[in-house]
Protein backbone atom coordinates (compact mmCIF):
# COMPACT_ATOMS: atom_id res chain seq x y z
CA UNK A 1 0.00 0.00 0.00
CA UNK A 2 1.26 3.49 -0.81
CA UNK A 3 1.07 6.08 1.93
CA UNK A 4 -0.59 9.39 1.08
CA UNK A 5 -0.34 12.89 2.54
CA UNK A 6 -3.23 13.48 4.92
CA UNK A 7 -4.21 16.08 7.49
CA UNK A 8 -3.54 15.81 11.20
CA UNK A 9 -4.07 18.25 14.08
CA UNK A 10 -1.68 19.40 16.79
CA UNK A 11 -3.60 20.56 19.86
CA UNK A 12 -0.58 22.28 21.40
CA UNK A 13 -0.09 24.69 18.49
CA UNK A 14 -3.75 24.55 17.37
CA UNK A 15 -2.61 23.90 13.80
CA UNK A 16 -3.38 21.38 11.10
CA UNK A 17 -0.46 19.89 9.19
CA UNK A 18 0.14 17.30 6.49
CA UNK A 19 1.68 13.96 7.36
CA UNK A 20 1.99 10.50 5.78
CA UNK A 21 -1.17 8.48 6.44
CA UNK A 22 -2.73 5.15 5.48
CA UNK A 23 -5.10 5.54 2.52
CA UNK A 24 -7.51 3.01 4.06
CA UNK A 25 -7.54 4.03 7.74
CA UNK A 26 -6.44 7.67 7.49
CA UNK A 27 -4.19 6.83 10.46
CA UNK A 28 -0.55 7.97 10.72
CA UNK A 29 2.21 5.95 9.06
CA UNK A 30 5.34 5.63 11.19
CA UNK A 31 8.70 3.90 11.01
CA UNK A 32 8.60 0.90 13.35
CA UNK A 33 11.57 -0.57 15.25
CA UNK A 34 11.93 -3.17 12.49
CA UNK A 35 12.74 -0.34 10.06
CA UNK A 36 9.47 -0.86 8.18
CA UNK A 37 6.95 1.90 7.61
CA UNK A 38 3.49 0.83 8.78
CA UNK A 39 0.06 2.20 9.58
CA UNK A 40 -0.36 2.57 13.35
CA UNK A 41 -3.96 1.33 13.10
CA UNK A 42 -4.13 -1.59 10.65
CA UNK A 43 -0.35 -2.33 10.84
CA UNK A 44 -0.11 -2.83 7.07
CA UNK A 45 3.27 -2.07 5.46
CA UNK A 46 3.35 1.25 3.69
CA UNK A 47 5.46 2.49 0.82
CA UNK A 48 6.70 6.02 1.46
CA UNK A 49 8.32 8.37 -1.04
CA UNK A 50 11.50 10.37 -0.45
CA UNK A 51 9.62 13.43 0.87
CA UNK A 52 7.71 11.31 3.39
CA UNK A 53 10.90 9.57 4.50
CA UNK A 54 12.54 12.95 5.18
CA UNK A 55 9.43 14.29 6.96
CA UNK A 56 9.35 11.25 9.26
CA UNK A 57 13.13 11.29 9.85
CA UNK A 58 12.99 14.95 10.93
CA UNK A 59 10.48 14.00 13.64
CA UNK A 60 12.15 10.78 14.81
CA UNK A 61 13.84 10.22 18.08
CA UNK A 62 13.34 10.53 21.76
CA UNK A 63 15.46 11.95 24.52
CA UNK A 64 15.46 11.12 28.21
CA UNK A 65 16.37 13.40 31.09
CA UNK A 66 16.42 12.74 34.83
CA UNK A 67 14.78 15.08 37.32
CA UNK A 68 13.95 15.19 41.01
CA UNK A 69 10.72 13.59 42.21
CA UNK A 70 8.56 16.27 43.77
CA UNK A 71 6.98 15.42 47.10
CA UNK A 72 3.72 17.12 48.01
CA UNK A 73 0.69 16.61 50.22
CA UNK A 74 -3.00 16.85 49.33
CA UNK A 75 -5.62 16.41 52.04
CA UNK A 76 -3.22 14.47 54.24
CA UNK A 77 -1.98 12.13 51.50
CA UNK A 78 1.68 12.44 50.50
CA UNK A 79 2.57 12.01 46.81
CA UNK A 80 6.06 11.54 45.41
CA UNK A 81 9.22 10.56 47.26
CA UNK A 82 11.52 13.58 46.93
CA UNK A 83 14.20 11.42 45.28
CA UNK A 84 17.07 13.19 43.53
CA UNK A 85 17.40 12.50 39.78
CA UNK A 86 14.93 9.60 40.01
CA UNK A 87 12.26 10.75 37.54
CA UNK A 88 12.97 9.50 34.02
CA UNK A 89 11.26 12.02 31.71
CA UNK A 90 10.86 11.16 28.02
CA UNK A 91 10.67 13.84 25.33
CA UNK A 92 9.52 13.60 21.70
CA UNK A 93 9.48 16.20 18.93
CA UNK A 94 6.37 18.24 18.16
CA UNK A 95 5.29 17.47 14.58
CA UNK A 96 4.70 21.15 13.77
CA UNK A 97 7.49 23.02 15.58
CA UNK A 98 10.05 20.17 15.82
CA UNK A 99 10.75 21.29 19.41
CA UNK A 100 11.19 18.73 22.18
CA UNK A 101 8.08 18.25 24.35
CA UNK A 102 7.46 16.19 27.46
CA UNK A 103 5.62 12.98 26.60
CA UNK A 104 5.73 10.71 29.68
CA UNK A 105 7.82 9.73 32.66
CA UNK A 106 8.18 7.67 35.81
CA UNK A 107 10.00 7.88 39.12
CA UNK A 108 12.36 4.91 39.38
CA UNK A 109 12.18 5.07 43.18
CA UNK A 110 8.49 5.43 44.12
CA UNK A 111 6.87 4.47 40.79
CA UNK A 112 4.91 7.70 40.32
CA UNK A 113 3.99 8.00 36.61
CA UNK A 114 2.70 10.68 34.30
CA UNK A 115 1.67 11.04 30.67
CA UNK A 116 1.05 14.22 28.71
């Protein structure tokens, strides 16, 4: 199946943008760990042209940083552990701006998790 350019929406920038999508599902096409390009919905292999390959490559990657686990209390319940450099925060690129944005994370000491 050949991927096509379709519209997607970024809620952080409130902008629509074109991206490679599946012609059947209209779902994004991404490069999987196997190196194959596939639809994220139906998982069918997708053929992508040179422009799509570059567009996807520019948005690839993830970076991880470590931060302190904040400890706070709400109505007598304590959240977080106050650990130093224990929160593993994952960042991915915004598809419109290409800037790094927080995606998810977890404290490796107390297990507190978050997703954006």
